[in-house]
Amino acid sequence: MNTNEKISFVIPCYRSEHTISAVLDEIDELMSKHTENEYEIVLVNDSSPDNVWSVIKGIAEKRKEVKAVSFTKNFGQHAALLSGYRVASGDLIVSLDDDGQSPVDRTFDLIDKIHEGYDVVYARYNKIQESLWRRWGSWLSNKMSEVLIGKPKDILGTSFYVMKKFIADEVVRYQNPFTYIGGLVFRSTKNIANVYVDHRERAEGTSGYSLFKLIKLMLNGFTAFSVVPLRISSIVGVVCAIIGFIFGIYTIIRKLVVVNISVGWSSTIAIMLFIGGLIMLMLGMIGEYVGRIYISLNNSPQYVVKETVNIDEEKNIK
């Protein structure tokens, strides 16, 4: 075990001007008990509409171990994490929330698990302190990740986790604009573990994830790292073709046996609408892939950095 590891805390900041200082205080208190470890804190302002940039900029200007990045507009939590990983210089990278829900005092429980030989360790919450639809969205995302991205079935991903530097280095090699950290991690390693912890209640405000943002995030993951949706579309098309063929044979035989049978227009229209809907759905899926290829070829940015504090000029975070 390396007891002199440098630890980098990477925190995306959005609507957290009243909570981020308390999170930093908790990190400082934790690390005061582990003086053998050097540490740094990387704060990324995802163009928050509140005053959080002034808060974290003021902190960074007073403390050289605190690095701050600010985006020109809201690019999302995962883009903020990616930029933070490019700045981080620690042997271990800790990702956590800015709202105080991540139990910072359990960080070294995750690190101890890393020392057992794992590359990434996620906190797994005994009870998630979120709204019902937010919990449902997280559950659905995890289940779909198992099928489409290859996430280990016994692993539950959360926003509080520790990874080794070489995993972060592999993650930041990603250059496309549709960032999904979970997909990047799961394609880099399967040597992943969970540690059970308690999830705290939100100190202030509500989740920055709307239903639209959750759907967009899931699309990022499932279209950027998997062709399974296209394969599912092909399978559904084959199944519908087989059903249509069987139904056609059945209709012909029935017409031959029962001469005076009338043609069922309602059933015909229903089948046409069903098949037409499936075709439009599959075309939409193909269009999603093609559109993302087009956007990637246009060199759309993952994020645009507006301002930094305490970051060396040679650090390529853009």
Protein backbone atom coordinates (compact mmCIF):
# COMPACT_ATOMS: atom_id res chain seq x y z
CA MET A 1 0.00 0.00 0.00
CA ASN A 2 1.28 3.45 -0.92
CA THR A 3 0.55 5.70 2.06
CA ASN A 4 2.01 8.79 0.38
CA GLU A 5 -0.45 8.97 -2.49
CA LYS A 6 -1.61 12.35 -3.68
CA ILE A 7 -5.40 12.62 -3.74
CA SER A 8 -7.33 14.85 -6.15
CA PHE A 9 -10.91 15.78 -5.27
CA VAL A 10 -12.85 16.74 -8.43
CA ILE A 11 -16.16 18.53 -7.84
CA PRO A 12 -18.52 19.85 -10.55
CA CYS A 13 -20.28 22.96 -9.23
CA TYR A 14 -23.79 24.04 -10.18
CA ARG A 15 -26.17 26.06 -8.00
CA SER A 16 -24.03 25.42 -4.94
CA GLU A 17 -22.83 28.82 -3.74
CA HIS A 18 -24.25 28.10 -0.26
CA THR A 19 -22.99 24.51 0.06
CA ILE A 20 -19.58 24.24 -1.63
CA SER A 21 -17.67 25.92 1.21
CA ALA A 22 -19.00 23.36 3.69
CA VAL A 23 -17.94 20.52 1.37
CA LEU A 24 -14.41 21.95 1.18
CA ASP A 25 -14.29 22.36 4.96
CA GLU A 26 -15.21 18.69 5.33
CA ILE A 27 -12.46 17.67 2.90
CA ASP A 28 -9.93 19.76 4.85
CA GLU A 29 -11.05 18.19 8.12
CA LEU A 30 -10.74 14.69 6.64
CA MET A 31 -7.28 15.30 5.20
CA SER A 32 -6.03 16.83 8.46
CA LYS A 33 -6.29 13.28 9.83
CA HIS A 34 -4.24 11.92 6.92
CA THR A 35 -1.25 14.23 6.84
CA GLU A 36 0.79 11.59 5.02
CA ASN A 37 -1.31 12.28 1.89
CA GLU A 38 -0.89 15.41 -0.20
CA TYR A 39 -4.16 16.59 -1.73
CA GLU A 40 -5.69 19.07 -4.13
CA ILE A 41 -9.24 20.16 -4.91
CA VAL A 42 -10.43 20.83 -8.46
CA LEU A 43 -13.66 22.85 -8.70
CA VAL A 44 -15.42 23.19 -12.06
CA ASN A 45 -18.14 25.80 -12.48
CA ASP A 46 -20.58 24.48 -15.08
CA SER A 47 -21.81 28.00 -15.86
CA SER A 48 -23.97 28.06 -12.75
CA PRO A 49 -26.61 30.84 -12.70
CA ASP A 50 -25.88 31.64 -9.05
CA ASN A 51 -22.77 33.19 -7.50
CA VAL A 52 -20.79 29.95 -7.10
CA TRP A 53 -17.96 31.06 -9.42
CA SER A 54 -17.22 34.08 -7.24
CA VAL A 55 -17.17 31.79 -4.21
CA ILE A 56 -14.82 29.15 -5.62
CA LYS A 57 -12.65 31.73 -7.38
CA GLY A 58 -12.19 33.57 -4.09
CA ILE A 59 -11.23 30.32 -2.35
CA ALA A 60 -8.79 29.34 -5.11
CA GLU A 61 -7.08 32.73 -5.03
CA LYS A 62 -6.33 32.21 -1.33
CA ARG A 63 -5.33 28.53 -1.53
CA LYS A 64 -2.85 27.20 -4.07
CA GLU A 65 -4.06 23.60 -3.63
CA VAL A 66 -7.52 24.60 -4.88
CA LYS A 67 -7.84 24.79 -8.66
CA ALA A 68 -10.84 26.38 -10.33
CA VAL A 69 -12.28 26.16 -13.84
CA SER A 70 -15.27 28.03 -15.27
CA PHE A 71 -17.21 27.16 -18.45
CA THR A 72 -18.76 29.63 -20.89
CA LYS A 73 -22.10 27.81 -20.74
CA ASN A 74 -23.71 24.77 -19.17
CA PHE A 75 -22.09 21.68 -20.71
CA GLY A 76 -23.25 19.22 -18.05
CA GLN A 77 -21.85 17.41 -15.04
CA HIS A 78 -19.95 14.81 -17.07
CA ALA A 79 -18.17 17.42 -19.19
CA ALA A 80 -17.22 19.20 -15.95
CA LEU A 81 -15.79 15.96 -14.54
CA LEU A 82 -13.81 15.38 -17.73
CA SER A 83 -12.20 18.82 -17.53
CA GLY A 84 -11.44 18.24 -13.84
CA TYR A 85 -9.68 14.96 -14.61
CA ARG A 86 -7.49 16.76 -17.14
CA VAL A 87 -6.42 19.17 -14.41
CA ALA A 88 -6.02 16.61 -11.61
CA SER A 89 -2.49 15.44 -10.82
CA GLY A 90 -3.19 13.02 -7.96
CA ASP A 91 -2.47 9.30 -7.83
CA LEU A 92 -6.12 8.78 -6.88
CA ILE A 93 -9.06 10.79 -8.21
CA VAL A 94 -12.10 11.28 -5.97
CA SER A 95 -15.34 12.50 -7.58
CA LEU A 96 -18.14 13.81 -5.38
CA ASP A 97 -21.14 16.12 -5.31
CA ASP A 98 -21.12 19.81 -4.46
CA ASP A 99 -24.34 19.75 -2.40
CA GLY A 100 -23.07 17.88 0.67
CA GLN A 101 -24.88 14.61 -0.11
CA SER A 102 -21.65 12.65 -0.64
CA PRO A 103 -20.31 11.41 2.74
CA VAL A 104 -16.79 12.84 2.47
CA ASP A 105 -15.83 11.23 5.78
CA ARG A 106 -16.12 7.80 4.10
CA THR A 107 -13.62 8.63 1.35
CA PHE A 108 -10.85 6.50 2.83
CA ASP A 109 -13.20 3.51 3.02
CA LEU A 110 -13.32 3.70 -0.78
CA ILE A 111 -9.56 4.23 -0.95
CA ASP A 112 -8.96 1.20 1.28
CA LYS A 113 -11.00 -0.84 -1.21
CA ILE A 114 -8.84 0.54 -4.03
CA HIS A 115 -5.80 -0.78 -2.15
CA GLU A 116 -7.29 -4.27 -2.34
CA GLY A 117 -6.46 -4.15 -6.04
CA TYR A 118 -9.48 -2.49 -7.67
CA ASP A 119 -9.18 0.23 -10.33
CA VAL A 120 -12.44 2.03 -9.52
CA VAL A 121 -14.59 1.94 -6.38
CA TYR A 122 -18.11 3.41 -6.31
CA ALA A 123 -19.99 4.33 -3.16
CA ARG A 124 -23.26 2.39 -3.03
CA TYR A 125 -25.94 4.09 -1.00
CA ASN A 126 -27.99 2.16 1.56
CA LYS A 127 -30.87 4.53 0.86
CA ILE A 128 -30.84 7.22 -1.83
CA GLN A 129 -32.08 10.60 -0.60
CA GLU A 130 -33.64 11.71 -3.88
CA SER A 131 -37.12 12.08 -5.38
CA LEU A 132 -38.96 9.00 -6.63
CA TRP A 133 -38.54 9.83 -10.32
CA ARG A 134 -34.83 10.62 -9.79
CA ARG A 135 -34.33 7.23 -8.11
CA TRP A 136 -36.24 5.55 -10.92
CA GLY A 137 -34.07 7.33 -13.50
CA SER A 138 -30.89 6.16 -11.76
CA TRP A 139 -32.18 2.59 -11.56
CA LEU A 140 -33.17 2.58 -15.24
CA SER A 141 -29.81 4.05 -16.25
CA ASN A 142 -27.94 1.35 -14.32
CA LYS A 143 -30.04 -1.45 -15.82
CA MET A 144 -29.62 -0.14 -19.34
CA SER A 145 -25.88 0.26 -18.72
CA GLU A 146 -25.71 -3.46 -17.94
CA VAL A 147 -27.33 -4.36 -21.26
CA LEU A 148 -25.87 -1.72 -23.57
CA ILE A 149 -22.46 -0.82 -22.13
CA GLY A 150 -21.46 -3.96 -20.30
CA LYS A 151 -21.53 -2.65 -16.74
CA PRO A 152 -20.99 -5.51 -14.25
CA LYS A 153 -24.41 -6.57 -12.91
CA ASP A 154 -23.33 -6.53 -9.28
CA ILE A 155 -21.96 -2.97 -9.49
CA LEU A 156 -24.06 0.16 -8.92
CA GLY A 157 -22.60 3.41 -10.21
CA THR A 158 -23.04 6.68 -8.28
CA SER A 159 -21.55 10.18 -8.38
CA PHE A 160 -19.24 9.45 -5.40
CA TYR A 161 -16.30 7.26 -6.41
CA VAL A 162 -12.51 6.87 -6.46
CA MET A 163 -10.43 5.86 -9.47
CA LYS A 164 -6.75 5.31 -10.09
CA LYS A 165 -4.90 7.89 -12.17
CA PHE A 166 -4.33 5.58 -15.12
CA ILE A 167 -8.10 5.12 -15.49
CA ALA A 168 -8.60 8.91 -15.45
CA ASP A 169 -5.84 9.24 -18.06
CA GLU A 170 -7.68 6.75 -20.27
CA VAL A 171 -11.00 8.55 -19.75
CA VAL A 172 -9.62 11.96 -20.80
CA ARG A 173 -8.41 10.53 -24.11
CA TYR A 174 -12.05 10.69 -25.22
CA GLN A 175 -12.49 13.56 -27.70
CA ASN A 176 -16.12 13.37 -28.83
CA PRO A 177 -18.66 15.94 -27.57
CA PHE A 178 -21.09 13.39 -26.06
CA THR A 179 -19.50 12.70 -22.69
CA TYR A 180 -20.69 9.90 -20.42
CA ILE A 181 -18.20 9.13 -17.66
CA GLY A 182 -19.79 5.80 -16.72
CA GLY A 183 -19.41 4.48 -20.25
CA LEU A 184 -15.79 5.64 -20.40
CA VAL A 185 -15.02 3.93 -17.09
CA PHE A 186 -16.79 0.67 -17.90
CA ARG A 187 -15.05 0.36 -21.25
CA SER A 188 -11.67 0.99 -19.58
CA THR A 189 -11.90 -1.63 -16.81
CA LYS A 190 -14.12 -4.28 -15.26
CA ASN A 191 -12.04 -4.33 -12.08
CA ILE A 192 -14.63 -2.34 -10.13
CA ALA A 193 -16.10 -2.62 -6.62
CA ASN A 194 -18.78 -1.05 -4.41
CA VAL A 195 -18.60 0.14 -0.81
CA TYR A 196 -21.88 0.69 1.07
CA VAL A 197 -22.30 4.14 2.62
CA ASP A 198 -25.18 6.34 3.79
CA HIS A 199 -26.49 8.98 1.39
CA ARG A 200 -27.05 12.32 3.07
CA GLU A 201 -30.04 14.54 2.52
CA ARG A 202 -29.49 17.55 0.31
CA ALA A 203 -28.47 20.54 2.42
CA GLU A 204 -30.15 23.03 0.12
CA GLY A 205 -31.99 23.26 -3.20
CA THR A 206 -33.00 20.49 -5.59
CA SER A 207 -31.25 18.26 -8.09
CA GLY A 208 -29.84 19.99 -11.17
CA TYR A 209 -31.00 17.04 -13.29
CA SER A 210 -34.34 17.55 -14.99
CA LEU A 211 -36.11 14.69 -16.79
CA PHE A 212 -34.83 16.08 -20.09
CA LYS A 213 -31.23 16.14 -18.85
CA LEU A 214 -31.49 12.56 -17.60
CA ILE A 215 -32.81 11.37 -20.96
CA LYS A 216 -30.08 13.30 -22.78
CA LEU A 217 -27.42 11.76 -20.52
CA MET A 218 -28.73 8.24 -21.14
CA LEU A 219 -28.73 8.88 -24.90
CA ASN A 220 -25.13 10.05 -24.64
CA GLY A 221 -24.14 6.82 -22.97
CA PHE A 222 -26.11 4.40 -25.08
CA THR A 223 -25.37 5.87 -28.51
CA ALA A 224 -21.74 6.86 -27.90
CA PHE A 225 -20.59 3.53 -26.49
CA SER A 226 -22.91 0.89 -27.93
CA VAL A 227 -24.54 -0.25 -31.18
CA VAL A 228 -26.94 -2.49 -29.26
CA PRO A 229 -29.94 -0.16 -29.92
CA LEU A 230 -29.37 -0.59 -33.66
CA ARG A 231 -29.14 -4.35 -33.24
CA ILE A 232 -32.36 -4.34 -31.21
CA SER A 233 -34.03 -2.38 -34.02
CA SER A 234 -32.89 -5.02 -36.52
CA ILE A 235 -34.21 -7.84 -34.32
CA VAL A 236 -37.56 -6.09 -33.85
CA GLY A 237 -37.76 -5.59 -37.63
CA VAL A 238 -37.13 -9.30 -38.26
CA VAL A 239 -39.70 -10.32 -35.63
CA CYS A 240 -42.32 -7.99 -37.12
CA ALA A 241 -41.59 -9.33 -40.61
CA ILE A 242 -42.06 -12.91 -39.39
CA ILE A 243 -45.29 -12.01 -37.59
CA GLY A 244 -46.53 -10.22 -40.71
CA PHE A 245 -45.69 -13.20 -42.91
CA ILE A 246 -47.45 -15.64 -40.57
CA PHE A 247 -50.49 -13.36 -40.34
CA GLY A 248 -50.58 -13.10 -44.14
CA ILE A 249 -50.53 -16.89 -44.55
CA TYR A 250 -53.24 -17.20 -41.88
CA THR A 251 -55.42 -14.63 -43.67
CA ILE A 252 -55.07 -16.39 -47.05
CA ILE A 253 -55.90 -19.82 -45.59
CA ARG A 254 -58.86 -18.41 -43.67
CA LYS A 255 -60.16 -16.69 -46.81
CA LEU A 256 -59.93 -19.96 -48.76
CA VAL A 257 -61.71 -21.95 -46.04
CA VAL A 258 -64.36 -19.36 -45.16
CA VAL A 259 -65.41 -17.98 -48.54
CA ASN A 260 -67.75 -15.24 -47.32
CA ILE A 261 -65.40 -13.80 -44.71
CA SER A 262 -65.10 -10.01 -44.87
CA VAL A 263 -61.77 -8.18 -44.79
CA GLY A 264 -61.09 -6.64 -41.38
CA TRP A 265 -60.19 -3.04 -42.14
CA SER A 266 -59.81 -2.10 -38.47
CA SER A 267 -57.23 -4.80 -37.86
CA THR A 268 -55.43 -3.87 -41.09
CA ILE A 269 -55.20 -0.20 -40.09
CA ALA A 270 -54.06 -1.15 -36.57
CA ILE A 271 -51.29 -3.35 -37.96
CA MET A 272 -50.22 -0.63 -40.41
CA LEU A 273 -50.06 1.95 -37.63
CA PHE A 274 -48.08 -0.43 -35.41
CA ILE A 275 -45.56 -1.30 -38.13
CA GLY A 276 -45.36 2.36 -39.22
CA GLY A 277 -44.65 3.43 -35.65
CA LEU A 278 -41.87 0.86 -35.34
CA ILE A 279 -40.33 2.04 -38.61
CA MET A 280 -40.38 5.68 -37.47
CA LEU A 281 -38.85 4.69 -34.12
CA MET A 282 -36.03 2.80 -35.84
CA LEU A 283 -35.44 5.63 -38.31
CA GLY A 284 -35.25 8.01 -35.37
CA MET A 285 -32.64 5.80 -33.70
CA ILE A 286 -30.59 5.65 -36.90
CA GLY A 287 -30.98 9.42 -37.26
CA GLU A 288 -29.69 9.89 -33.71
CA TYR A 289 -26.52 7.96 -34.56
CA VAL A 290 -26.03 9.78 -37.87
CA GLY A 291 -26.63 13.17 -36.24
CA ARG A 292 -24.06 12.48 -33.55
CA ILE A 293 -21.52 11.41 -36.17
CA TYR A 294 -22.19 14.69 -38.02
CA ILE A 295 -21.76 16.77 -34.86
CA SER A 296 -18.54 14.92 -33.98
CA LEU A 297 -17.14 15.51 -37.48
CA ASN A 298 -17.86 19.22 -37.02
CA ASN A 299 -15.44 19.19 -34.05
CA SER A 300 -18.08 20.40 -31.60
CA PRO A 301 -16.36 21.06 -28.24
CA GLN A 302 -16.85 18.94 -25.14
CA TYR A 303 -16.76 22.22 -23.21
CA VAL A 304 -15.32 25.73 -23.53
CA VAL A 305 -13.20 27.12 -20.68
CA LYS A 306 -13.78 30.78 -19.88
CA GLU A 307 -11.48 31.27 -16.88
CA THR A 308 -9.13 29.31 -14.64
CA VAL A 309 -7.34 29.85 -11.33
CA ASN A 310 -4.15 28.05 -10.15
CA ILE A 311 -3.85 25.97 -13.31
CA ASP A 312 -0.53 25.83 -15.14
CA GLU A 313 -0.66 27.16 -18.68
CA GLU A 314 0.90 23.97 -20.02
CA LYS A 315 -2.03 21.94 -18.64
CA ASN A 316 -4.14 21.10 -21.65
CA ILE A 317 -7.70 21.10 -20.32
CA LYS A 318 -9.28 22.28 -23.56
